[in-house]
Amino acid sequence: MYDFVIIGGGIIGMSTAMQLIDVYPDARIALLEKRVRASLPPDRA
């Protein structure tokens, strides 16, 4: 079970995850991304 689930590993999703880690360091966070590598342009994933 996760405390937070973030959909999308782009700049907004990654920034949200980083902020949640700062505010809730013990929280379990899931980040869902459809590409193999998050935060990369589609042609580089």
C-alpha atoms as a PDB file:
ATOM      1  CA  MET A   1       0.000   0.000   0.000  1.00  0.00           C
ATOM      2  CA  TYR A   2       1.266   3.450  -0.899  1.00  0.00           C
ATOM      3  CA  ASP A   3       0.646   6.778   0.795  1.00  0.00           C
ATOM      4  CA  PHE A   4       0.890   8.672  -2.512  1.00  0.00           C
ATOM      5  CA  VAL A   5       0.648   7.608  -6.147  1.00  0.00           C
ATOM      6  CA  ILE A   6       1.960   9.965  -8.832  1.00  0.00           C
ATOM      7  CA  ILE A   7       0.982   9.333 -12.442  1.00  0.00           C
ATOM      8  CA  GLY A   8       3.606  10.559 -14.880  1.00  0.00           C
ATOM      9  CA  GLY A   9       7.374  10.706 -14.545  1.00  0.00           C
ATOM     10  CA  GLY A  10       7.881  13.996 -16.350  1.00  0.00           C
ATOM     11  CA  ILE A  11       9.143  17.184 -14.757  1.00  0.00           C
ATOM     12  CA  ILE A  12       5.919  17.771 -12.794  1.00  0.00           C
ATOM     13  CA  GLY A  13       5.677  14.181 -11.551  1.00  0.00           C
ATOM     14  CA  MET A  14       9.324  14.087 -10.498  1.00  0.00           C
ATOM     15  CA  SER A  15       9.094  17.498  -8.814  1.00  0.00           C
ATOM     16  CA  THR A  16       5.979  16.405  -6.951  1.00  0.00           C
ATOM     17  CA  ALA A  17       7.724  13.238  -5.781  1.00  0.00           C
ATOM     18  CA  MET A  18      10.729  15.214  -4.552  1.00  0.00           C
ATOM     19  CA  GLN A  19       8.512  17.651  -2.634  1.00  0.00           C
ATOM     20  CA  LEU A  20       6.574  14.790  -1.043  1.00  0.00           C
ATOM     21  CA  ILE A  21       9.836  13.155   0.049  1.00  0.00           C
ATOM     22  CA  ASP A  22      10.920  16.428   1.672  1.00  0.00           C
ATOM     23  CA  VAL A  23       7.605  16.928   3.484  1.00  0.00           C
ATOM     24  CA  TYR A  24       6.851  13.264   4.276  1.00  0.00           C
ATOM     25  CA  PRO A  25      10.214  11.450   4.482  1.00  0.00           C
ATOM     26  CA  ASP A  26       8.663   8.192   5.734  1.00  0.00           C
ATOM     27  CA  ALA A  27       5.864   8.073   3.145  1.00  0.00           C
ATOM     28  CA  ARG A  28       5.670   5.307   0.565  1.00  0.00           C
ATOM     29  CA  ILE A  29       5.449   6.882  -2.882  1.00  0.00           C
ATOM     30  CA  ALA A  30       4.710   5.153  -6.193  1.00  0.00           C
ATOM     31  CA  LEU A  31       5.540   6.960  -9.427  1.00  0.00           C
ATOM     32  CA  LEU A  32       3.902   5.434 -12.522  1.00  0.00           C
ATOM     33  CA  GLU A  33       5.378   6.067 -15.965  1.00  0.00           C
ATOM     34  CA  LYS A  34       4.445   4.396 -19.254  1.00  0.00           C
ATOM     35  CA  ARG A  35       7.940   4.750 -20.729  1.00  0.00           C
ATOM     36  CA  VAL A  36      10.944   2.704 -19.623  1.00  0.00           C
ATOM     37  CA  ARG A  37      12.831   5.800 -18.424  1.00  0.00           C
ATOM     38  CA  ALA A  38      11.147   8.743 -16.762  1.00  0.00           C
ATOM     39  CA  SER A  39      11.922  12.413 -17.496  1.00  0.00           C
ATOM     40  CA  LEU A  40      13.429  11.828 -20.940  1.00  0.00           C
ATOM     41  CA  PRO A  41      12.036  12.915 -24.300  1.00  0.00           C
ATOM     42  CA  PRO A  42      10.152  10.057 -26.058  1.00  0.00           C
ATOM     43  CA  ASP A  43      12.924   9.580 -28.647  1.00  0.00           C
ATOM     44  CA  ARG A  44      15.531   9.019 -25.891  1.00  0.00           C
ATOM     45  CA  ALA A  45      13.531   6.617 -23.692  1.00  0.00           C
END
